[in-house]
Amino acid sequence: MKKKMKLVGIMALVSILIFGIAPAQASLGVGLSGGYFSPNYGEVNDEFIGINEVLGTDLGFESGFAWGLNLNYDFNPNWRMRGEYVDFSSKTSEPFLIDGFIGFADFKLNLSALTLSGIYRFFPEKTFSPYIGVGVGSFSTEYEGEITVGPISFRASDNASPIGFRLLVGAEHKTGENVSILGELRYISAKAEDLLEGEGIKGIDVDWSGPSFGLGIAYRF
């Protein structure tokens, strides 16, 4: 929670700095978004196949809700630059019984992405304007896992911040002079590699590649 609040604070500070140095005619805005994210996961979910066979569980990370904050800078009516923070978490946990002992398995994944995207709006002067964009950023990944059997607990955690890319296509509908509603489809390409890698231990990859779609609201100053 502290990490999320710190990132929100950084976004707010950047906004203040940009607002303070931007020319009077610049078009600036802030936004809030939320939607459904369906990452591939890849190897990190494949590892659960063997665990599930041994423990008789059905563990596996799934798709879910992601939310984001963004800061927009319009260079001109068509071209926009967007800085964005996106947060997504997935958890899988389940009790099990093995050799007469009751156990519990608990695994968590968190994605905190900071990206910068260039966006082209086709009809910015109209109420309804489709757009496309491409972005690059840091996809900070945190992985935690714990298996408890009776009084014995096995824990592991690791993190990485790989560079990734994303493509986006969407449409903006102006509901007022300063407020807009956005619908957007994105595709992310990013992978955190070799988590938990150590001496004699093969690392695990977390593949965040996959689509997301959602809605957002933006306010332009």
C-alpha atoms as a PDB file:
ATOM      1  CA  MET A   1       0.000   0.000   0.000  1.00  0.00           C
ATOM      2  CA  LYS A   2       2.856   2.391   0.852  1.00  0.00           C
ATOM      3  CA  LYS A   3       4.451   1.707  -2.511  1.00  0.00           C
ATOM      4  CA  LYS A   4       1.208   2.509  -4.351  1.00  0.00           C
ATOM      5  CA  MET A   5       0.760   5.763  -2.432  1.00  0.00           C
ATOM      6  CA  LYS A   6       4.370   6.713  -3.185  1.00  0.00           C
ATOM      7  CA  LEU A   7       3.821   6.201  -6.909  1.00  0.00           C
ATOM      8  CA  VAL A   8       0.614   8.247  -6.796  1.00  0.00           C
ATOM      9  CA  GLY A   9       2.539  10.975  -5.025  1.00  0.00           C
ATOM     10  CA  ILE A  10       5.233  10.947  -7.706  1.00  0.00           C
ATOM     11  CA  MET A  11       2.565  11.284 -10.405  1.00  0.00           C
ATOM     12  CA  ALA A  12       1.061  14.243  -8.554  1.00  0.00           C
ATOM     13  CA  LEU A  13       4.461  15.898  -8.163  1.00  0.00           C
ATOM     14  CA  VAL A  14       5.249  15.480 -11.854  1.00  0.00           C
ATOM     15  CA  SER A  15       1.876  17.026 -12.682  1.00  0.00           C
ATOM     16  CA  ILE A  16       2.616  20.067 -10.539  1.00  0.00           C
ATOM     17  CA  LEU A  17       6.047  20.522 -12.091  1.00  0.00           C
ATOM     18  CA  ILE A  18       4.721  20.264 -15.642  1.00  0.00           C
ATOM     19  CA  PHE A  19       1.847  22.612 -14.920  1.00  0.00           C
ATOM     20  CA  GLY A  20       4.311  25.098 -13.484  1.00  0.00           C
ATOM     21  CA  ILE A  21       6.667  25.159 -16.499  1.00  0.00           C
ATOM     22  CA  ALA A  22       4.213  24.541 -19.356  1.00  0.00           C
ATOM     23  CA  PRO A  23       3.361  27.506 -21.591  1.00  0.00           C
ATOM     24  CA  ALA A  24      -0.024  29.135 -21.142  1.00  0.00           C
ATOM     25  CA  GLN A  25      -1.372  27.753 -24.434  1.00  0.00           C
ATOM     26  CA  ALA A  26      -0.447  24.151 -23.639  1.00  0.00           C
ATOM     27  CA  SER A  27      -3.266  21.644 -23.259  1.00  0.00           C
ATOM     28  CA  LEU A  28      -2.805  19.530 -20.146  1.00  0.00           C
ATOM     29  CA  GLY A  29      -5.042  16.972 -18.531  1.00  0.00           C
ATOM     30  CA  VAL A  30      -5.329  14.201 -15.960  1.00  0.00           C
ATOM     31  CA  GLY A  31      -7.284  10.975 -16.090  1.00  0.00           C
ATOM     32  CA  LEU A  32      -8.435   7.869 -14.247  1.00  0.00           C
ATOM     33  CA  SER A  33      -8.984   4.484 -15.902  1.00  0.00           C
ATOM     34  CA  GLY A  34     -10.127   0.998 -15.021  1.00  0.00           C
ATOM     35  CA  GLY A  35     -10.666  -2.209 -16.945  1.00  0.00           C
ATOM     36  CA  TYR A  36     -10.069  -5.896 -17.556  1.00  0.00           C
ATOM     37  CA  PHE A  37      -6.533  -7.224 -18.077  1.00  0.00           C
ATOM     38  CA  SER A  38      -5.829 -10.731 -19.416  1.00  0.00           C
ATOM     39  CA  PRO A  39      -2.080 -11.491 -19.310  1.00  0.00           C
ATOM     40  CA  ASN A  40      -0.602 -14.657 -20.763  1.00  0.00           C
ATOM     41  CA  TYR A  41       1.425 -15.432 -17.581  1.00  0.00           C
ATOM     42  CA  GLY A  42       3.228 -18.249 -19.403  1.00  0.00           C
ATOM     43  CA  GLU A  43       5.878 -20.092 -17.422  1.00  0.00           C
ATOM     44  CA  VAL A  44       4.774 -18.899 -13.981  1.00  0.00           C
ATOM     45  CA  ASN A  45       1.382 -20.583 -14.489  1.00  0.00           C
ATOM     46  CA  ASP A  46       2.965 -23.654 -16.087  1.00  0.00           C
ATOM     47  CA  GLU A  47       4.888 -24.230 -12.847  1.00  0.00           C
ATOM     48  CA  PHE A  48       1.584 -24.805 -11.050  1.00  0.00           C
ATOM     49  CA  ILE A  49       0.881 -27.918 -13.128  1.00  0.00           C
ATOM     50  CA  GLY A  50       3.346 -30.025 -11.141  1.00  0.00           C
ATOM     51  CA  ILE A  51       2.386 -28.418  -7.825  1.00  0.00           C
ATOM     52  CA  ASN A  52      -1.303 -29.102  -8.444  1.00  0.00           C
ATOM     53  CA  GLU A  53      -0.599 -32.755  -9.267  1.00  0.00           C
ATOM     54  CA  VAL A  54       1.286 -33.252  -5.993  1.00  0.00           C
ATOM     55  CA  LEU A  55      -1.018 -31.252  -3.713  1.00  0.00           C
ATOM     56  CA  GLY A  56      -4.327 -31.963  -5.427  1.00  0.00           C
ATOM     57  CA  THR A  57      -4.993 -28.233  -5.824  1.00  0.00           C
ATOM     58  CA  ASP A  58      -6.150 -26.026  -8.682  1.00  0.00           C
ATOM     59  CA  LEU A  59      -3.739 -23.100  -8.341  1.00  0.00           C
ATOM     60  CA  GLY A  60      -3.237 -20.608 -11.170  1.00  0.00           C
ATOM     61  CA  PHE A  61      -3.111 -16.870 -11.769  1.00  0.00           C
ATOM     62  CA  GLU A  62      -6.120 -15.415 -13.585  1.00  0.00           C
ATOM     63  CA  SER A  63      -7.213 -12.273 -15.420  1.00  0.00           C
ATOM     64  CA  GLY A  64      -8.747  -9.424 -13.487  1.00  0.00           C
ATOM     65  CA  PHE A  65      -9.239  -5.725 -12.858  1.00  0.00           C
ATOM     66  CA  ALA A  66      -6.520  -3.139 -13.465  1.00  0.00           C
ATOM     67  CA  TRP A  67      -6.664   0.583 -12.656  1.00  0.00           C
ATOM     68  CA  GLY A  68      -4.555   3.509 -13.700  1.00  0.00           C
ATOM     69  CA  LEU A  69      -3.766   7.217 -13.347  1.00  0.00           C
ATOM     70  CA  ASN A  70      -2.496   9.278 -16.261  1.00  0.00           C
ATOM     71  CA  LEU A  71      -1.174  12.705 -17.190  1.00  0.00           C
ATOM     72  CA  ASN A  72      -1.732  14.031 -20.728  1.00  0.00           C
ATOM     73  CA  TYR A  73       0.095  16.729 -22.682  1.00  0.00           C
ATOM     74  CA  ASP A  74      -1.325  17.801 -26.051  1.00  0.00           C
ATOM     75  CA  PHE A  75       1.373  19.212 -28.321  1.00  0.00           C
ATOM     76  CA  ASN A  76      -1.273  20.135 -30.876  1.00  0.00           C
ATOM     77  CA  PRO A  77      -4.874  19.029 -31.609  1.00  0.00           C
ATOM     78  CA  ASN A  78      -3.743  15.695 -33.103  1.00  0.00           C
ATOM     79  CA  TRP A  79      -0.691  14.641 -31.059  1.00  0.00           C
ATOM     80  CA  ARG A  80      -0.795  13.750 -27.379  1.00  0.00           C
ATOM     81  CA  MET A  81       1.815  12.447 -24.938  1.00  0.00           C
ATOM     82  CA  ARG A  82       0.542  10.337 -22.030  1.00  0.00           C
ATOM     83  CA  GLY A  83       2.391   9.351 -18.885  1.00  0.00           C
ATOM     84  CA  GLU A  84       0.584   6.614 -16.972  1.00  0.00           C
ATOM     85  CA  TYR A  85       0.758   4.467 -13.862  1.00  0.00           C
ATOM     86  CA  VAL A  86      -1.148   1.149 -13.989  1.00  0.00           C
ATOM     87  CA  ASP A  87      -1.614  -1.309 -11.129  1.00  0.00           C
ATOM     88  CA  PHE A  88      -2.729  -4.945 -11.416  1.00  0.00           C
ATOM     89  CA  SER A  89      -2.674  -7.837  -8.931  1.00  0.00           C
ATOM     90  CA  SER A  90      -3.552 -11.506  -9.051  1.00  0.00           C
ATOM     91  CA  LYS A  91      -3.666 -14.005  -6.202  1.00  0.00           C
ATOM     92  CA  THR A  92      -4.186 -17.760  -6.078  1.00  0.00           C
ATOM     93  CA  SER A  93      -4.494 -19.680  -2.817  1.00  0.00           C
ATOM     94  CA  GLU A  94      -5.957 -22.988  -1.696  1.00  0.00           C
ATOM     95  CA  PRO A  95      -5.829 -25.411   1.251  1.00  0.00           C
ATOM     96  CA  PHE A  96      -4.707 -29.005   0.729  1.00  0.00           C
ATOM     97  CA  LEU A  97      -4.271 -32.291   2.558  1.00  0.00           C
ATOM     98  CA  ILE A  98      -1.117 -34.364   2.072  1.00  0.00           C
ATOM     99  CA  ASP A  99      -0.045 -37.419   4.063  1.00  0.00           C
ATOM    100  CA  GLY A 100      -2.529 -36.528   6.775  1.00  0.00           C
ATOM    101  CA  PHE A 101      -1.218 -32.971   7.182  1.00  0.00           C
ATOM    102  CA  ILE A 102      -3.326 -29.902   6.435  1.00  0.00           C
ATOM    103  CA  GLY A 103      -1.524 -27.298   4.394  1.00  0.00           C
ATOM    104  CA  PHE A 104      -2.103 -24.016   2.625  1.00  0.00           C
ATOM    105  CA  ALA A 105      -0.623 -22.616  -0.596  1.00  0.00           C
ATOM    106  CA  ASP A 106      -0.631 -18.883  -1.285  1.00  0.00           C
ATOM    107  CA  PHE A 107       0.876 -17.093  -4.310  1.00  0.00           C
ATOM    108  CA  LYS A 108       0.679 -13.427  -5.337  1.00  0.00           C
ATOM    109  CA  LEU A 109       1.699 -11.372  -8.367  1.00  0.00           C
ATOM    110  CA  ASN A 110       1.657  -7.586  -8.619  1.00  0.00           C
ATOM    111  CA  LEU A 111       2.325  -5.385 -11.641  1.00  0.00           C
ATOM    112  CA  SER A 112       3.107  -1.672 -11.234  1.00  0.00           C
ATOM    113  CA  ALA A 113       3.709  -0.220 -14.688  1.00  0.00           C
ATOM    114  CA  LEU A 114       4.967   3.284 -15.520  1.00  0.00           C
ATOM    115  CA  THR A 115       4.670   4.038 -19.236  1.00  0.00           C
ATOM    116  CA  LEU A 116       5.014   6.905 -21.686  1.00  0.00           C
ATOM    117  CA  SER A 117       2.890   6.760 -24.852  1.00  0.00           C
ATOM    118  CA  GLY A 118       2.558   8.804 -28.009  1.00  0.00           C
ATOM    119  CA  ILE A 119      -1.057   9.097 -29.210  1.00  0.00           C
ATOM    120  CA  TYR A 120      -2.516  10.317 -32.511  1.00  0.00           C
ATOM    121  CA  ARG A 121      -6.134  11.558 -32.499  1.00  0.00           C
ATOM    122  CA  PHE A 122      -7.875  11.494 -35.871  1.00  0.00           C
ATOM    123  CA  PHE A 123     -10.698  14.040 -35.390  1.00  0.00           C
ATOM    124  CA  PRO A 124      -9.842  16.097 -32.288  1.00  0.00           C
ATOM    125  CA  GLU A 125     -12.242  18.876 -33.251  1.00  0.00           C
ATOM    126  CA  LYS A 126     -15.240  16.517 -33.172  1.00  0.00           C
ATOM    127  CA  THR A 127     -17.227  15.246 -30.179  1.00  0.00           C
ATOM    128  CA  PHE A 128     -16.246  11.648 -30.998  1.00  0.00           C
ATOM    129  CA  SER A 129     -12.595  11.069 -31.932  1.00  0.00           C
ATOM    130  CA  PRO A 130     -10.847   7.686 -32.429  1.00  0.00           C
ATOM    131  CA  TYR A 131      -7.100   7.436 -31.730  1.00  0.00           C
ATOM    132  CA  ILE A 132      -4.124   5.078 -31.839  1.00  0.00           C
ATOM    133  CA  GLY A 133      -0.901   5.009 -29.863  1.00  0.00           C
ATOM    134  CA  VAL A 134       2.296   3.219 -28.903  1.00  0.00           C
ATOM    135  CA  GLY A 135       4.159   3.311 -25.606  1.00  0.00           C
ATOM    136  CA  VAL A 136       7.194   2.080 -23.679  1.00  0.00           C
ATOM    137  CA  GLY A 137       7.831   1.785 -19.976  1.00  0.00           C
ATOM    138  CA  SER A 138       8.888  -0.105 -16.889  1.00  0.00           C
ATOM    139  CA  PHE A 139       6.745  -3.070 -15.835  1.00  0.00           C
ATOM    140  CA  SER A 140       7.695  -3.560 -12.191  1.00  0.00           C
ATOM    141  CA  THR A 141       6.843  -7.108 -11.087  1.00  0.00           C
ATOM    142  CA  GLU A 142       6.614  -8.549  -7.572  1.00  0.00           C
ATOM    143  CA  TYR A 143       6.200 -12.284  -6.985  1.00  0.00           C
ATOM    144  CA  GLU A 144       5.516 -13.954  -3.631  1.00  0.00           C
ATOM    145  CA  GLY A 145       4.819 -17.571  -2.806  1.00  0.00           C
ATOM    146  CA  GLU A 146       4.293 -19.523   0.408  1.00  0.00           C
ATOM    147  CA  ILE A 147       3.421 -23.156   1.118  1.00  0.00           C
ATOM    148  CA  THR A 148       2.653 -24.117   4.714  1.00  0.00           C
ATOM    149  CA  VAL A 149       2.400 -27.706   5.944  1.00  0.00           C
ATOM    150  CA  GLY A 150       1.683 -27.973   9.643  1.00  0.00           C
ATOM    151  CA  PRO A 151       4.335 -25.930  11.482  1.00  0.00           C
ATOM    152  CA  ILE A 152       6.636 -25.794   8.442  1.00  0.00           C
ATOM    153  CA  SER A 153       6.498 -22.913   5.995  1.00  0.00           C
ATOM    154  CA  PHE A 154       8.339 -22.465   2.688  1.00  0.00           C
ATOM    155  CA  ARG A 155       8.498 -18.867   1.404  1.00  0.00           C
ATOM    156  CA  ALA A 156       9.983 -17.245  -1.683  1.00  0.00           C
ATOM    157  CA  SER A 157       9.779 -13.761  -3.197  1.00  0.00           C
ATOM    158  CA  ASP A 158      11.486 -11.763  -5.913  1.00  0.00           C
ATOM    159  CA  ASN A 159      10.988  -8.690  -8.091  1.00  0.00           C
ATOM    160  CA  ALA A 160      12.106  -7.276 -11.425  1.00  0.00           C
ATOM    161  CA  SER A 161      11.466  -4.191 -13.549  1.00  0.00           C
ATOM    162  CA  PRO A 162      11.653  -5.189 -17.225  1.00  0.00           C
ATOM    163  CA  ILE A 163      11.152  -2.745 -20.069  1.00  0.00           C
ATOM    164  CA  GLY A 164       8.036  -3.432 -22.116  1.00  0.00           C
ATOM    165  CA  PHE A 165       5.889  -2.001 -24.878  1.00  0.00           C
ATOM    166  CA  ARG A 166       2.224  -1.513 -25.581  1.00  0.00           C
ATOM    167  CA  LEU A 167      -0.078  -0.679 -28.475  1.00  0.00           C
ATOM    168  CA  LEU A 168      -3.411   1.003 -27.946  1.00  0.00           C
ATOM    169  CA  VAL A 169      -6.500   1.966 -29.907  1.00  0.00           C
ATOM    170  CA  GLY A 170      -9.460   3.830 -28.526  1.00  0.00           C
ATOM    171  CA  ALA A 171     -12.059   6.536 -28.862  1.00  0.00           C
ATOM    172  CA  GLU A 172     -12.669   9.737 -26.919  1.00  0.00           C
ATOM    173  CA  HIS A 173     -16.134  11.196 -26.397  1.00  0.00           C
ATOM    174  CA  LYS A 174     -16.333  14.784 -25.144  1.00  0.00           C
ATOM    175  CA  THR A 175     -19.130  15.211 -22.618  1.00  0.00           C
ATOM    176  CA  GLY A 176     -18.327  18.847 -21.908  1.00  0.00           C
ATOM    177  CA  GLU A 177     -15.785  21.574 -22.537  1.00  0.00           C
ATOM    178  CA  ASN A 178     -13.194  19.953 -20.261  1.00  0.00           C
ATOM    179  CA  VAL A 179     -14.418  16.398 -19.567  1.00  0.00           C
ATOM    180  CA  SER A 180     -14.128  13.318 -21.803  1.00  0.00           C
ATOM    181  CA  ILE A 181     -15.019   9.626 -21.555  1.00  0.00           C
ATOM    182  CA  LEU A 182     -12.607   7.171 -23.182  1.00  0.00           C
ATOM    183  CA  GLY A 183     -12.928   3.561 -24.268  1.00  0.00           C
ATOM    184  CA  GLU A 184      -9.628   1.813 -24.982  1.00  0.00           C
ATOM    185  CA  LEU A 185      -8.164  -1.527 -26.086  1.00  0.00           C
ATOM    186  CA  ARG A 186      -4.488  -2.212 -25.357  1.00  0.00           C
ATOM    187  CA  TYR A 187      -1.974  -4.938 -26.034  1.00  0.00           C
ATOM    188  CA  ILE A 188       1.043  -5.223 -23.728  1.00  0.00           C
ATOM    189  CA  SER A 189       4.335  -6.944 -24.521  1.00  0.00           C
ATOM    190  CA  ALA A 190       6.510  -7.366 -21.403  1.00  0.00           C
ATOM    191  CA  LYS A 191       8.207 -10.208 -19.553  1.00  0.00           C
ATOM    192  CA  ALA A 192       9.912 -10.428 -16.149  1.00  0.00           C
ATOM    193  CA  GLU A 193      12.555 -13.133 -16.531  1.00  0.00           C
ATOM    194  CA  ASP A 194      14.381 -15.493 -14.153  1.00  0.00           C
ATOM    195  CA  LEU A 195      12.554 -14.628 -10.939  1.00  0.00           C
ATOM    196  CA  LEU A 196      13.710 -16.737  -7.948  1.00  0.00           C
ATOM    197  CA  GLU A 197      16.804 -17.773  -9.877  1.00  0.00           C
ATOM    198  CA  GLY A 198      19.623 -18.951  -7.614  1.00  0.00           C
ATOM    199  CA  GLU A 199      22.390 -21.485  -7.252  1.00  0.00           C
ATOM    200  CA  GLY A 200      21.064 -24.693  -8.752  1.00  0.00           C
ATOM    201  CA  ILE A 201      17.574 -23.204  -9.116  1.00  0.00           C
ATOM    202  CA  LYS A 202      16.035 -22.419 -12.504  1.00  0.00           C
ATOM    203  CA  GLY A 203      14.357 -19.033 -12.661  1.00  0.00           C
ATOM    204  CA  ILE A 204      10.680 -18.444 -13.469  1.00  0.00           C
ATOM    205  CA  ASP A 205       9.441 -16.059 -16.168  1.00  0.00           C
ATOM    206  CA  VAL A 206       6.278 -13.969 -15.789  1.00  0.00           C
ATOM    207  CA  ASP A 207       4.843 -13.073 -19.189  1.00  0.00           C
ATOM    208  CA  TRP A 208       2.592 -10.015 -18.952  1.00  0.00           C
ATOM    209  CA  SER A 209       1.848 -10.043 -22.681  1.00  0.00           C
ATOM    210  CA  GLY A 210      -1.859  -9.858 -23.413  1.00  0.00           C
ATOM    211  CA  PRO A 211      -4.840  -7.598 -24.089  1.00  0.00           C
ATOM    212  CA  SER A 212      -6.683  -5.254 -21.790  1.00  0.00           C
ATOM    213  CA  PHE A 213      -9.748  -3.118 -22.323  1.00  0.00           C
ATOM    214  CA  GLY A 214     -11.554  -0.589 -20.224  1.00  0.00           C
ATOM    215  CA  LEU A 215     -13.019   2.863 -19.700  1.00  0.00           C
ATOM    216  CA  GLY A 216     -11.528   6.104 -18.487  1.00  0.00           C
ATOM    217  CA  ILE A 217     -12.446   9.652 -17.627  1.00  0.00           C
ATOM    218  CA  ALA A 218     -10.204  12.625 -18.388  1.00  0.00           C
ATOM    219  CA  TYR A 219     -10.220  16.274 -17.370  1.00  0.00           C
ATOM    220  CA  ARG A 220      -8.457  18.844 -19.552  1.00  0.00           C
ATOM    221  CA  PHE A 221      -7.225  22.120 -18.041  1.00  0.00           C
END
